[in-house]
Amino acid sequence: MSIYQSIGTASANVVDRVMAALVSGLELEFGRGAGEALAHRFLDAEEAYFRWDARVEERWIGTYEGIEDDGLALDRVAICGRLDGSWFCAIMLVDGGGKAHGMMGCRQFRSLVRARDAMLHAH
């Protein structure tokens, strides 16, 4: 059994809101022109968290059975969204409070339809 949830309105015209907010904030801090270059560095370093924030739909897949028992219960959640100009589908590790703890994999797509289809068929 899985649970499917739309987070926001998703269409081909959706604005890459996470990337736009990141670039805008960095330009305020470091000046115009520096935001775009720095944004890609931040994205590379914290990709899982940015993808989680950029999701427009999610589907619960099941509990995560980790190798080590660290006392943290995590779920596997398939998401789709748009980040840095591309649609994507990713499998995330998420705690009960809705905080991302990692990413198990991510694929990029040319359209929302293909990203959503991958999310719906993820296991």
PDB file of N, CA and C in Angstrom:
ATOM      1  N   MET A   1       0.832  -1.169   0.000  1.00  0.00           N
ATOM      2  CA  MET A   1       0.000   0.000   0.000  1.00  0.00           C
ATOM      3  C   MET A   1       0.882   1.239   0.000  1.00  0.00           C
ATOM      4  N   SER A   2       0.458   2.256  -0.709  1.00  0.00           N
ATOM      5  CA  SER A   2       1.191   3.518  -0.705  1.00  0.00           C
ATOM      6  C   SER A   2       0.212   4.668  -0.595  1.00  0.00           C
ATOM      7  N   ILE A   3       0.721   5.801  -0.174  1.00  0.00           N
ATOM      8  CA  ILE A   3      -0.082   7.004  -0.053  1.00  0.00           C
ATOM      9  C   ILE A   3       0.505   8.029  -1.000  1.00  0.00           C
ATOM     10  N   TYR A   4      -0.332   8.618  -1.840  1.00  0.00           N
ATOM     11  CA  TYR A   4       0.075   9.594  -2.845  1.00  0.00           C
ATOM     12  C   TYR A   4      -0.460  10.948  -2.435  1.00  0.00           C
ATOM     13  N   GLN A   5       0.391  11.985  -2.465  1.00  0.00           N
ATOM     14  CA  GLN A   5      -0.040  13.304  -2.046  1.00  0.00           C
ATOM     15  C   GLN A   5       0.569  14.367  -2.945  1.00  0.00           C
ATOM     16  N   SER A   6      -0.280  15.276  -3.418  1.00  0.00           N
ATOM     17  CA  SER A   6       0.197  16.417  -4.185  1.00  0.00           C
ATOM     18  C   SER A   6       0.566  17.528  -3.207  1.00  0.00           C
ATOM     19  N   ILE A   7       1.756  18.064  -3.342  1.00  0.00           N
ATOM     20  CA  ILE A   7       2.239  19.108  -2.441  1.00  0.00           C
ATOM     21  C   ILE A   7       1.862  20.490  -2.955  1.00  0.00           C
ATOM     22  N   GLY A   8       1.871  20.665  -4.256  1.00  0.00           N
ATOM     23  CA  GLY A   8       1.545  21.949  -4.850  1.00  0.00           C
ATOM     24  C   GLY A   8       1.053  21.749  -6.264  1.00  0.00           C
ATOM     25  N   THR A   9       0.763  22.837  -6.923  1.00  0.00           N
ATOM     26  CA  THR A   9       0.322  22.761  -8.302  1.00  0.00           C
ATOM     27  C   THR A   9       1.529  22.526  -9.180  1.00  0.00           C
ATOM     28  N   ALA A  10       1.501  21.464  -9.939  1.00  0.00           N
ATOM     29  CA  ALA A  10       2.629  21.120 -10.799  1.00  0.00           C
ATOM     30  C   ALA A  10       2.198  21.199 -12.248  1.00  0.00           C
ATOM     31  N   SER A  11       2.946  21.929 -13.024  1.00  0.00           N
ATOM     32  CA  SER A  11       2.683  22.019 -14.449  1.00  0.00           C
ATOM     33  C   SER A  11       3.993  22.302 -15.159  1.00  0.00           C
ATOM     34  N   ALA A  12       3.940  22.297 -16.468  1.00  0.00           N
ATOM     35  CA  ALA A  12       5.144  22.583 -17.249  1.00  0.00           C
ATOM     36  C   ALA A  12       5.626  24.005 -17.010  1.00  0.00           C
ATOM     37  N   ASN A  13       4.759  24.875 -16.524  1.00  0.00           N
ATOM     38  CA  ASN A  13       5.115  26.272 -16.299  1.00  0.00           C
ATOM     39  C   ASN A  13       5.524  26.549 -14.860  1.00  0.00           C
ATOM     40  N   VAL A  14       5.674  25.502 -14.062  1.00  0.00           N
ATOM     41  CA  VAL A  14       6.012  25.708 -12.664  1.00  0.00           C
ATOM     42  C   VAL A  14       7.364  26.412 -12.551  1.00  0.00           C
ATOM     43  N   VAL A  15       7.433  27.379 -11.672  1.00  0.00           N
ATOM     44  CA  VAL A  15       8.674  28.115 -11.461  1.00  0.00           C
ATOM     45  C   VAL A  15       9.568  27.283 -10.558  1.00  0.00           C
ATOM     46  N   ASP A  16      10.821  27.261 -10.855  1.00  0.00           N
ATOM     47  CA  ASP A  16      11.799  26.541 -10.052  1.00  0.00           C
ATOM     48  C   ASP A  16      11.993  27.344  -8.768  1.00  0.00           C
ATOM     49  N   ARG A  17      11.013  27.267  -7.865  1.00  0.00           N
ATOM     50  CA  ARG A  17      10.939  28.138  -6.696  1.00  0.00           C
ATOM     51  C   ARG A  17      12.093  27.963  -5.724  1.00  0.00           C
ATOM     52  N   VAL A  18      12.556  26.756  -5.549  1.00  0.00           N
ATOM     53  CA  VAL A  18      13.657  26.511  -4.602  1.00  0.00           C
ATOM     54  C   VAL A  18      14.941  27.130  -5.120  1.00  0.00           C
ATOM     55  N   MET A  19      15.234  26.914  -6.391  1.00  0.00           N
ATOM     56  CA  MET A  19      16.454  27.479  -6.973  1.00  0.00           C
ATOM     57  C   MET A  19      16.371  29.008  -7.014  1.00  0.00           C
ATOM     58  N   ALA A  20      15.194  29.542  -7.355  1.00  0.00           N
ATOM     59  CA  ALA A  20      15.028  30.999  -7.402  1.00  0.00           C
ATOM     60  C   ALA A  20      15.241  31.616  -6.018  1.00  0.00           C
ATOM     61  N   ALA A  21      14.711  30.977  -4.987  1.00  0.00           N
ATOM     62  CA  ALA A  21      14.885  31.492  -3.625  1.00  0.00           C
ATOM     63  C   ALA A  21      16.342  31.415  -3.188  1.00  0.00           C
ATOM     64  N   LEU A  22      17.011  30.328  -3.545  1.00  0.00           N
ATOM     65  CA  LEU A  22      18.419  30.170  -3.191  1.00  0.00           C
ATOM     66  C   LEU A  22      19.274  31.240  -3.866  1.00  0.00           C
ATOM     67  N   VAL A  23      19.089  31.426  -5.168  1.00  0.00           N
ATOM     68  CA  VAL A  23      19.858  32.424  -5.909  1.00  0.00           C
ATOM     69  C   VAL A  23      19.584  33.821  -5.361  1.00  0.00           C
ATOM     70  N   SER A  24      18.316  34.128  -5.111  1.00  0.00           N
ATOM     71  CA  SER A  24      17.950  35.442  -4.591  1.00  0.00           C
ATOM     72  C   SER A  24      18.609  35.729  -3.249  1.00  0.00           C
ATOM     73  N   GLY A  25      18.564  34.746  -2.349  1.00  0.00           N
ATOM     74  CA  GLY A  25      19.187  34.919  -1.044  1.00  0.00           C
ATOM     75  C   GLY A  25      20.691  35.103  -1.126  1.00  0.00           C
ATOM     76  N   LEU A  26      21.315  34.331  -2.000  1.00  0.00           N
ATOM     77  CA  LEU A  26      22.771  34.457  -2.154  1.00  0.00           C
ATOM     78  C   LEU A  26      23.158  35.780  -2.797  1.00  0.00           C
ATOM     79  N   GLU A  27      22.330  36.283  -3.718  1.00  0.00           N
ATOM     80  CA  GLU A  27      22.621  37.590  -4.320  1.00  0.00           C
ATOM     81  C   GLU A  27      22.483  38.707  -3.300  1.00  0.00           C
ATOM     82  N   LEU A  28      21.529  38.588  -2.387  1.00  0.00           N
ATOM     83  CA  LEU A  28      21.403  39.585  -1.321  1.00  0.00           C
ATOM     84  C   LEU A  28      22.649  39.600  -0.439  1.00  0.00           C
ATOM     85  N   GLU A  29      23.170  38.420  -0.180  1.00  0.00           N
ATOM     86  CA  GLU A  29      24.317  38.291   0.715  1.00  0.00           C
ATOM     87  C   GLU A  29      25.646  38.623   0.033  1.00  0.00           C
ATOM     88  N   PHE A  30      25.830  38.156  -1.215  1.00  0.00           N
ATOM     89  CA  PHE A  30      27.138  38.250  -1.861  1.00  0.00           C
ATOM     90  C   PHE A  30      27.178  39.130  -3.098  1.00  0.00           C
ATOM     91  N   GLY A  31      26.052  39.710  -3.482  1.00  0.00           N
ATOM     92  CA  GLY A  31      26.030  40.602  -4.633  1.00  0.00           C
ATOM     93  C   GLY A  31      25.499  39.934  -5.891  1.00  0.00           C
ATOM     94  N   ARG A  32      25.021  40.782  -6.779  1.00  0.00           N
ATOM     95  CA  ARG A  32      24.432  40.315  -8.034  1.00  0.00           C
ATOM     96  C   ARG A  32      25.493  39.601  -8.877  1.00  0.00           C
ATOM     97  N   GLY A  33      25.111  38.488  -9.442  1.00  0.00           N
ATOM     98  CA  GLY A  33      26.028  37.722 -10.271  1.00  0.00           C
ATOM     99  C   GLY A  33      26.688  36.569  -9.535  1.00  0.00           C
ATOM    100  N   ALA A  34      26.874  36.721  -8.248  1.00  0.00           N
ATOM    101  CA  ALA A  34      27.501  35.649  -7.474  1.00  0.00           C
ATOM    102  C   ALA A  34      26.493  34.565  -7.096  1.00  0.00           C
ATOM    103  N   GLY A  35      25.224  34.918  -7.058  1.00  0.00           N
ATOM    104  CA  GLY A  35      24.184  34.000  -6.608  1.00  0.00           C
ATOM    105  C   GLY A  35      24.083  32.730  -7.414  1.00  0.00           C
ATOM    106  N   GLU A  36      24.121  32.829  -8.724  1.00  0.00           N
ATOM    107  CA  GLU A  36      23.963  31.653  -9.591  1.00  0.00           C
ATOM    108  C   GLU A  36      25.107  30.661  -9.403  1.00  0.00           C
ATOM    109  N   ALA A  37      26.337  31.146  -9.393  1.00  0.00           N
ATOM    110  CA  ALA A  37      27.492  30.251  -9.233  1.00  0.00           C
ATOM    111  C   ALA A  37      27.509  29.608  -7.849  1.00  0.00           C
ATOM    112  N   LEU A  38      27.234  30.393  -6.825  1.00  0.00           N
ATOM    113  CA  LEU A  38      27.222  29.852  -5.470  1.00  0.00           C
ATOM    114  C   LEU A  38      26.064  28.880  -5.260  1.00  0.00           C
ATOM    115  N   ALA A  39      24.947  29.136  -5.911  1.00  0.00           N
ATOM    116  CA  ALA A  39      23.770  28.270  -5.763  1.00  0.00           C
ATOM    117  C   ALA A  39      24.099  26.844  -6.187  1.00  0.00           C
ATOM    118  N   HIS A  40      24.846  26.678  -7.253  1.00  0.00           N
ATOM    119  CA  HIS A  40      25.191  25.334  -7.717  1.00  0.00           C
ATOM    120  C   HIS A  40      26.131  24.622  -6.737  1.00  0.00           C
ATOM    121  N   ARG A  41      26.981  25.373  -6.074  1.00  0.00           N
ATOM    122  CA  ARG A  41      27.840  24.768  -5.048  1.00  0.00           C
ATOM    123  C   ARG A  41      27.016  24.304  -3.851  1.00  0.00           C
ATOM    124  N   PHE A  42      26.068  25.161  -3.426  1.00  0.00           N
ATOM    125  CA  PHE A  42      25.188  24.786  -2.328  1.00  0.00           C
ATOM    126  C   PHE A  42      24.351  23.568  -2.719  1.00  0.00           C
ATOM    127  N   LEU A  43      23.864  23.559  -3.942  1.00  0.00           N
ATOM    128  CA  LEU A  43      23.046  22.451  -4.428  1.00  0.00           C
ATOM    129  C   LEU A  43      23.828  21.145  -4.429  1.00  0.00           C
ATOM    130  N   ASP A  44      25.072  21.190  -4.867  1.00  0.00           N
ATOM    131  CA  ASP A  44      25.900  19.986  -4.864  1.00  0.00           C
ATOM    132  C   ASP A  44      26.136  19.458  -3.450  1.00  0.00           C
ATOM    133  N   ALA A  45      26.336  20.363  -2.513  1.00  0.00           N
ATOM    134  CA  ALA A  45      26.653  19.965  -1.137  1.00  0.00           C
ATOM    135  C   ALA A  45      25.435  19.459  -0.365  1.00  0.00           C
ATOM    136  N   GLU A  46      24.268  19.976  -0.665  1.00  0.00           N
ATOM    137  CA  GLU A  46      23.059  19.654   0.102  1.00  0.00           C
ATOM    138  C   GLU A  46      21.923  19.196  -0.809  1.00  0.00           C
ATOM    139  N   GLU A  47      22.240  18.421  -1.825  1.00  0.00           N
ATOM    140  CA  GLU A  47      21.268  18.049  -2.855  1.00  0.00           C
ATOM    141  C   GLU A  47      20.000  17.415  -2.301  1.00  0.00           C
ATOM    142  N   ALA A  48      20.124  16.496  -1.378  1.00  0.00           N
ATOM    143  CA  ALA A  48      18.948  15.793  -0.847  1.00  0.00           C
ATOM    144  C   ALA A  48      17.954  16.766  -0.230  1.00  0.00           C
ATOM    145  N   TYR A  49      18.439  17.718   0.515  1.00  0.00           N
ATOM    146  CA  TYR A  49      17.548  18.667   1.202  1.00  0.00           C
ATOM    147  C   TYR A  49      16.875  19.619   0.217  1.00  0.00           C
ATOM    148  N   PHE A  50      17.602  20.055  -0.807  1.00  0.00           N
ATOM    149  CA  PHE A  50      17.008  20.924  -1.814  1.00  0.00           C
ATOM    150  C   PHE A  50      15.964  20.175  -2.634  1.00  0.00           C
ATOM    151  N   ARG A  51      16.235  18.927  -2.971  1.00  0.00           N
ATOM    152  CA  ARG A  51      15.242  18.141  -3.723  1.00  0.00           C
ATOM    153  C   ARG A  51      13.987  17.917  -2.886  1.00  0.00           C
ATOM    154  N   TRP A  52      14.153  17.668  -1.601  1.00  0.00           N
ATOM    155  CA  TRP A  52      13.005  17.490  -0.723  1.00  0.00           C
ATOM    156  C   TRP A  52      12.161  18.760  -0.702  1.00  0.00           C
ATOM    157  N   ASP A  53      12.804  19.914  -0.611  1.00  0.00           N
ATOM    158  CA  ASP A  53      12.079  21.189  -0.605  1.00  0.00           C
ATOM    159  C   ASP A  53      11.425  21.494  -1.949  1.00  0.00           C
ATOM    160  N   ALA A  54      11.992  20.970  -3.028  1.00  0.00           N
ATOM    161  CA  ALA A  54      11.487  21.264  -4.373  1.00  0.00           C
ATOM    162  C   ALA A  54      10.392  20.294  -4.822  1.00  0.00           C
ATOM    163  N   ARG A  55      10.045  19.338  -3.987  1.00  0.00           N
ATOM    164  CA  ARG A  55       9.043  18.350  -4.403  1.00  0.00           C
ATOM    165  C   ARG A  55       7.680  18.999  -4.591  1.00  0.00           C
ATOM    166  N   VAL A  56       6.935  18.483  -5.561  1.00  0.00           N
ATOM    167  CA  VAL A  56       5.564  18.937  -5.774  1.00  0.00           C
ATOM    168  C   VAL A  56       4.576  17.810  -5.502  1.00  0.00           C
ATOM    169  N   GLU A  57       5.072  16.571  -5.494  1.00  0.00           N
ATOM    170  CA  GLU A  57       4.238  15.415  -5.167  1.00  0.00           C
ATOM    171  C   GLU A  57       5.092  14.394  -4.435  1.00  0.00           C
ATOM    172  N   GLU A  58       4.433  13.607  -3.616  1.00  0.00           N
ATOM    173  CA  GLU A  58       5.159  12.569  -2.887  1.00  0.00           C
ATOM    174  C   GLU A  58       4.281  11.341  -2.746  1.00  0.00           C
ATOM    175  N   ARG A  59       4.953  10.200  -2.568  1.00  0.00           N
ATOM    176  CA  ARG A  59       4.252   8.922  -2.372  1.00  0.00           C
ATOM    177  C   ARG A  59       5.042   8.089  -1.377  1.00  0.00           C
ATOM    178  N   TRP A  60       4.375   7.703  -0.305  1.00  0.00           N
ATOM    179  CA  TRP A  60       5.012   6.869   0.711  1.00  0.00           C
ATOM    180  C   TRP A  60       5.192   5.475   0.142  1.00  0.00           C
ATOM    181  N   ILE A  61       6.398   4.936   0.249  1.00  0.00           N
ATOM    182  CA  ILE A  61       6.697   3.605  -0.284  1.00  0.00           C
ATOM    183  C   ILE A  61       6.690   2.572   0.839  1.00  0.00           C
ATOM    184  N   GLY A  62       7.288   2.886   1.965  1.00  0.00           N
ATOM    185  CA  GLY A  62       7.356   1.948   3.083  1.00  0.00           C
ATOM    186  C   GLY A  62       8.430   2.345   4.059  1.00  0.00           C
ATOM    187  N   THR A  63       8.594   1.551   5.078  1.00  0.00           N
ATOM    188  CA  THR A  63       9.614   1.847   6.077  1.00  0.00           C
ATOM    189  C   THR A  63      10.989   1.478   5.538  1.00  0.00           C
ATOM    190  N   TYR A  64      11.979   2.168   6.040  1.00  0.00           N
ATOM    191  CA  TYR A  64      13.359   1.910   5.641  1.00  0.00           C
ATOM    192  C   TYR A  64      13.987   0.977   6.658  1.00  0.00           C
ATOM    193  N   GLU A  65      14.473  -0.130   6.176  1.00  0.00           N
ATOM    194  CA  GLU A  65      15.143  -1.105   7.026  1.00  0.00           C
ATOM    195  C   GLU A  65      16.646  -0.895   6.887  1.00  0.00           C
ATOM    196  N   GLY A  66      17.197  -0.025   7.718  1.00  0.00           N
ATOM    197  CA  GLY A  66      18.610   0.298   7.648  1.00  0.00           C
ATOM    198  C   GLY A  66      19.489  -0.828   8.146  1.00  0.00           C
ATOM    199  N   ILE A  67      20.759  -0.750   7.817  1.00  0.00           N
ATOM    200  CA  ILE A  67      21.735  -1.756   8.231  1.00  0.00           C
ATOM    201  C   ILE A  67      21.991  -1.656   9.731  1.00  0.00           C
ATOM    202  N   GLU A  68      22.163  -0.446  10.221  1.00  0.00           N
ATOM    203  CA  GLU A  68      22.422  -0.239  11.643  1.00  0.00           C
ATOM    204  C   GLU A  68      21.155   0.247  12.327  1.00  0.00           C
ATOM    205  N   ASP A  69      20.978  -0.178  13.551  1.00  0.00           N
ATOM    206  CA  ASP A  69      19.836   0.273  14.329  1.00  0.00           C
ATOM    207  C   ASP A  69      20.287   1.449  15.190  1.00  0.00           C
ATOM    208  N   ASP A  70      20.056   2.660  14.686  1.00  0.00           N
ATOM    209  CA  ASP A  70      20.461   3.849  15.423  1.00  0.00           C
ATOM    210  C   ASP A  70      19.294   4.474  16.182  1.00  0.00           C
ATOM    211  N   GLY A  71      18.181   3.753  16.236  1.00  0.00           N
ATOM    212  CA  GLY A  71      17.035   4.243  16.981  1.00  0.00           C
ATOM    213  C   GLY A  71      16.179   5.234  16.218  1.00  0.00           C
ATOM    214  N   LEU A  72      16.516   5.530  14.998  1.00  0.00           N
ATOM    215  CA  LEU A  72      15.769   6.488  14.193  1.00  0.00           C
ATOM    216  C   LEU A  72      14.920   5.732  13.183  1.00  0.00           C
ATOM    217  N   ALA A  73      13.614   5.905  13.258  1.00  0.00           N
ATOM    218  CA  ALA A  73      12.706   5.251  12.317  1.00  0.00           C
ATOM    219  C   ALA A  73      12.537   6.136  11.085  1.00  0.00           C
ATOM    220  N   LEU A  74      12.889   5.597   9.933  1.00  0.00           N
ATOM    221  CA  LEU A  74      12.797   6.348   8.682  1.00  0.00           C
ATOM    222  C   LEU A  74      11.855   5.642   7.713  1.00  0.00           C
ATOM    223  N   ASP A  75      11.250   6.435   6.850  1.00  0.00           N
ATOM    224  CA  ASP A  75      10.402   5.930   5.779  1.00  0.00           C
ATOM    225  C   ASP A  75      11.044   6.238   4.442  1.00  0.00           C
ATOM    226  N   ARG A  76      10.714   5.417   3.453  1.00  0.00           N
ATOM    227  CA  ARG A  76      11.120   5.696   2.081  1.00  0.00           C
ATOM    228  C   ARG A  76       9.952   6.393   1.400  1.00  0.00           C
ATOM    229  N   VAL A  77      10.233   7.545   0.802  1.00  0.00           N
ATOM    230  CA  VAL A  77       9.218   8.353   0.152  1.00  0.00           C
ATOM    231  C   VAL A  77       9.699   8.691  -1.255  1.00  0.00           C
ATOM    232  N   ALA A  78       8.877   8.371  -2.250  1.00  0.00           N
ATOM    233  CA  ALA A  78       9.182   8.757  -3.635  1.00  0.00           C
ATOM    234  C   ALA A  78       8.621  10.158  -3.847  1.00  0.00           C
ATOM    235  N   ILE A  79       9.420  11.006  -4.458  1.00  0.00           N
ATOM    236  CA  ILE A  79       8.974  12.377  -4.722  1.00  0.00           C
ATOM    237  C   ILE A  79       9.229  12.728  -6.180  1.00  0.00           C
ATOM    238  N   CYS A  80       8.494  13.709  -6.671  1.00  0.00           N
ATOM    239  CA  CYS A  80       8.839  14.309  -7.951  1.00  0.00           C
ATOM    240  C   CYS A  80       8.734  15.817  -7.785  1.00  0.00           C
ATOM    241  N   GLY A  81       9.501  16.522  -8.573  1.00  0.00           N
ATOM    242  CA  GLY A  81       9.527  17.967  -8.478  1.00  0.00           C
ATOM    243  C   GLY A  81      10.406  18.556  -9.561  1.00  0.00           C
ATOM    244  N   ARG A  82      10.680  19.833  -9.397  1.00  0.00           N
ATOM    245  CA  ARG A  82      11.493  20.553 -10.382  1.00  0.00           C
ATOM    246  C   ARG A  82      12.587  21.309  -9.640  1.00  0.00           C
ATOM    247  N   LEU A  83      13.829  21.102 -10.074  1.00  0.00           N
ATOM    248  CA  LEU A  83      14.966  21.775  -9.460  1.00  0.00           C
ATOM    249  C   LEU A  83      16.015  22.051 -10.512  1.00  0.00           C
ATOM    250  N   ASP A  84      16.504  23.260 -10.517  1.00  0.00           N
ATOM    251  CA  ASP A  84      17.571  23.685 -11.432  1.00  0.00           C
ATOM    252  C   ASP A  84      17.204  23.421 -12.887  1.00  0.00           C
ATOM    253  N   GLY A  85      15.938  23.654 -13.225  1.00  0.00           N
ATOM    254  CA  GLY A  85      15.487  23.565 -14.609  1.00  0.00           C
ATOM    255  C   GLY A  85      15.109  22.185 -15.091  1.00  0.00           C
ATOM    256  N   SER A  86      15.154  21.168 -14.235  1.00  0.00           N
ATOM    257  CA  SER A  86      14.823  19.802 -14.652  1.00  0.00           C
ATOM    258  C   SER A  86      13.811  19.173 -13.712  1.00  0.00           C
ATOM    259  N   TRP A  87      12.929  18.378 -14.290  1.00  0.00           N
ATOM    260  CA  TRP A  87      12.017  17.561 -13.496  1.00  0.00           C
ATOM    261  C   TRP A  87      12.792  16.358 -12.982  1.00  0.00           C
ATOM    262  N   PHE A  88      12.439  15.866 -11.805  1.00  0.00           N
ATOM    263  CA  PHE A  88      13.148  14.739 -11.232  1.00  0.00           C
ATOM    264  C   PHE A  88      12.196  13.847 -10.452  1.00  0.00           C
ATOM    265  N   CYS A  89      12.647  12.634 -10.227  1.00  0.00           N
ATOM    266  CA  CYS A  89      12.017  11.689  -9.307  1.00  0.00           C
ATOM    267  C   CYS A  89      13.134  11.190  -8.404  1.00  0.00           C
ATOM    268  N   ALA A  90      12.894  11.171  -7.105  1.00  0.00           N
ATOM    269  CA  ALA A  90      13.909  10.727  -6.153  1.00  0.00           C
ATOM    270  C   ALA A  90      13.267   9.879  -5.068  1.00  0.00           C
ATOM    271  N   ILE A  91      14.062   9.001  -4.487  1.00  0.00           N
ATOM    272  CA  ILE A  91      13.639   8.226  -3.326  1.00  0.00           C
ATOM    273  C   ILE A  91      14.363   8.822  -2.122  1.00  0.00           C
ATOM    274  N   MET A  92      13.586   9.296  -1.174  1.00  0.00           N
ATOM    275  CA  MET A  92      14.124   9.981  -0.011  1.00  0.00           C
ATOM    276  C   MET A  92      13.941   9.149   1.252  1.00  0.00           C
ATOM    277  N   LEU A  93      14.820   9.352   2.221  1.00  0.00           N
ATOM    278  CA  LEU A  93      14.671   8.793   3.558  1.00  0.00           C
ATOM    279  C   LEU A  93      14.187   9.928   4.452  1.00  0.00           C
ATOM    280  N   VAL A  94      13.010   9.733   5.052  1.00  0.00           N
ATOM    281  CA  VAL A  94      12.339  10.807   5.781  1.00  0.00           C
ATOM    282  C   VAL A  94      11.913  10.307   7.154  1.00  0.00           C
ATOM    283  N   ASP A  95      12.083  11.158   8.168  1.00  0.00           N
ATOM    284  CA  ASP A  95      11.651  10.767   9.510  1.00  0.00           C
ATOM    285  C   ASP A  95      10.162  11.057   9.693  1.00  0.00           C
ATOM    286  N   GLY A  96       9.627  10.682  10.844  1.00  0.00           N
ATOM    287  CA  GLY A  96       8.208  10.861  11.127  1.00  0.00           C
ATOM    288  C   GLY A  96       7.765  12.306  11.188  1.00  0.00           C
ATOM    289  N   GLY A  97       8.697  13.211  11.381  1.00  0.00           N
ATOM    290  CA  GLY A  97       8.389  14.641  11.422  1.00  0.00           C
ATOM    291  C   GLY A  97       8.446  15.311  10.059  1.00  0.00           C
ATOM    292  N   GLY A  98       8.722  14.538   9.012  1.00  0.00           N
ATOM    293  CA  GLY A  98       8.774  15.097   7.671  1.00  0.00           C
ATOM    294  C   GLY A  98      10.103  15.715   7.293  1.00  0.00           C
ATOM    295  N   LYS A  99      11.170  15.370   7.997  1.00  0.00           N
ATOM    296  CA  LYS A  99      12.501  15.905   7.705  1.00  0.00           C
ATOM    297  C   LYS A  99      13.294  14.886   6.897  1.00  0.00           C
ATOM    298  N   ALA A 100      13.871  15.330   5.801  1.00  0.00           N
ATOM    299  CA  ALA A 100      14.684  14.452   4.965  1.00  0.00           C
ATOM    300  C   ALA A 100      16.009  14.150   5.655  1.00  0.00           C
ATOM    301  N   HIS A 101      16.424  12.872   5.571  1.00  0.00           N
ATOM    302  CA  HIS A 101      17.696  12.446   6.156  1.00  0.00           C
ATOM    303  C   HIS A 101      18.665  11.916   5.114  1.00  0.00           C
ATOM    304  N   GLY A 102      18.230  11.837   3.885  1.00  0.00           N
ATOM    305  CA  GLY A 102      19.098  11.350   2.832  1.00  0.00           C
ATOM    306  C   GLY A 102      18.317  11.026   1.582  1.00  0.00           C
ATOM    307  N   MET A 103      19.064  10.710   0.534  1.00  0.00           N
ATOM    308  CA  MET A 103      18.457  10.389  -0.750  1.00  0.00           C
ATOM    309  C   MET A 103      19.070   9.088  -1.243  1.00  0.00           C
ATOM    310  N   MET A 104      18.223   8.157  -1.639  1.00  0.00           N
ATOM    311  CA  MET A 104      18.695   6.858  -2.107  1.00  0.00           C
ATOM    312  C   MET A 104      18.973   6.852  -3.606  1.00  0.00           C
ATOM    313  N   GLY A 105      18.381   7.752  -4.331  1.00  0.00           N
ATOM    314  CA  GLY A 105      18.591   7.815  -5.769  1.00  0.00           C
ATOM    315  C   GLY A 105      17.753   8.921  -6.378  1.00  0.00           C
ATOM    316  N   CYS A 106      18.171   9.378  -7.543  1.00  0.00           N
ATOM    317  CA  CYS A 106      17.458  10.457  -8.222  1.00  0.00           C
ATOM    318  C   CYS A 106      17.650  10.319  -9.726  1.00  0.00           C
ATOM    319  N   ARG A 107      16.568  10.505 -10.466  1.00  0.00           N
ATOM    320  CA  ARG A 107      16.635  10.512 -11.925  1.00  0.00           C
ATOM    321  C   ARG A 107      15.985  11.788 -12.428  1.00  0.00           C
ATOM    322  N   GLN A 108      16.536  12.338 -13.512  1.00  0.00           N
ATOM    323  CA  GLN A 108      16.002  13.567 -14.089  1.00  0.00           C
ATOM    324  C   GLN A 108      15.229  13.249 -15.358  1.00  0.00           C
ATOM    325  N   PHE A 109      14.224  14.098 -15.635  1.00  0.00           N
ATOM    326  CA  PHE A 109      13.331  13.894 -16.773  1.00  0.00           C
ATOM    327  C   PHE A 109      13.083  15.214 -17.485  1.00  0.00           C
ATOM    328  N   ARG A 110      12.623  15.113 -18.714  1.00  0.00           N
ATOM    329  CA  ARG A 110      12.312  16.309 -19.500  1.00  0.00           C
ATOM    330  C   ARG A 110      10.924  16.856 -19.211  1.00  0.00           C
ATOM    331  N   SER A 111      10.065  16.037 -18.593  1.00  0.00           N
ATOM    332  CA  SER A 111       8.700  16.496 -18.359  1.00  0.00           C
ATOM    333  C   SER A 111       8.180  16.027 -17.011  1.00  0.00           C
ATOM    334  N   LEU A 112       7.187  16.744 -16.527  1.00  0.00           N
ATOM    335  CA  LEU A 112       6.506  16.367 -15.300  1.00  0.00           C
ATOM    336  C   LEU A 112       5.836  15.007 -15.454  1.00  0.00           C
ATOM    337  N   VAL A 113       5.262  14.742 -16.604  1.00  0.00           N
ATOM    338  CA  VAL A 113       4.555  13.475 -16.837  1.00  0.00           C
ATOM    339  C   VAL A 113       5.486  12.288 -16.604  1.00  0.00           C
ATOM    340  N   ARG A 114       6.689  12.345 -17.136  1.00  0.00           N
ATOM    341  CA  ARG A 114       7.639  11.233 -16.967  1.00  0.00           C
ATOM    342  C   ARG A 114       8.153  11.135 -15.531  1.00  0.00           C
ATOM    343  N   ALA A 115       8.390  12.285 -14.893  1.00  0.00           N
ATOM    344  CA  ALA A 115       8.844  12.276 -13.496  1.00  0.00           C
ATOM    345  C   ALA A 115       7.756  11.706 -12.596  1.00  0.00           C
ATOM    346  N   ARG A 116       6.513  12.104 -12.820  1.00  0.00           N
ATOM    347  CA  ARG A 116       5.395  11.599 -12.014  1.00  0.00           C
ATOM    348  C   ARG A 116       5.208  10.105 -12.237  1.00  0.00           C
ATOM    349  N   ASP A 117       5.334   9.662 -13.473  1.00  0.00           N
ATOM    350  CA  ASP A 117       5.196   8.243 -13.776  1.00  0.00           C
ATOM    351  C   ASP A 117       6.268   7.427 -13.038  1.00  0.00           C
ATOM    352  N   ALA A 118       7.496   7.929 -13.022  1.00  0.00           N
ATOM    353  CA  ALA A 118       8.573   7.251 -12.306  1.00  0.00           C
ATOM    354  C   ALA A 118       8.277   7.216 -10.807  1.00  0.00           C
ATOM    355  N   MET A 119       7.735   8.296 -10.269  1.00  0.00           N
ATOM    356  CA  MET A 119       7.397   8.343  -8.858  1.00  0.00           C
ATOM    357  C   MET A 119       6.307   7.319  -8.523  1.00  0.00           C
ATOM    358  N   LEU A 120       5.304   7.232  -9.377  1.00  0.00           N
ATOM    359  CA  LEU A 120       4.196   6.314  -9.129  1.00  0.00           C
ATOM    360  C   LEU A 120       4.607   4.854  -9.229  1.00  0.00           C
ATOM    361  N   HIS A 121       5.676   4.563  -9.974  1.00  0.00           N
ATOM    362  CA  HIS A 121       6.130   3.186 -10.154  1.00  0.00           C
ATOM    363  C   HIS A 121       7.362   2.836  -9.322  1.00  0.00           C
ATOM    364  N   ALA A 122       7.812   3.770  -8.506  1.00  0.00           N
ATOM    365  CA  ALA A 122       8.982   3.515  -7.645  1.00  0.00           C
ATOM    366  C   ALA A 122       8.617   2.506  -6.564  1.00  0.00           C
ATOM    367  N   HIS A 123       9.585   1.697  -6.191  1.00  0.00           N
ATOM    368  CA  HIS A 123       9.354   0.742  -5.101  1.00  0.00           C
ATOM    369  C   HIS A 123      10.604   0.570  -4.261  1.00  0.00           C
TER     370      HIS A 123
END
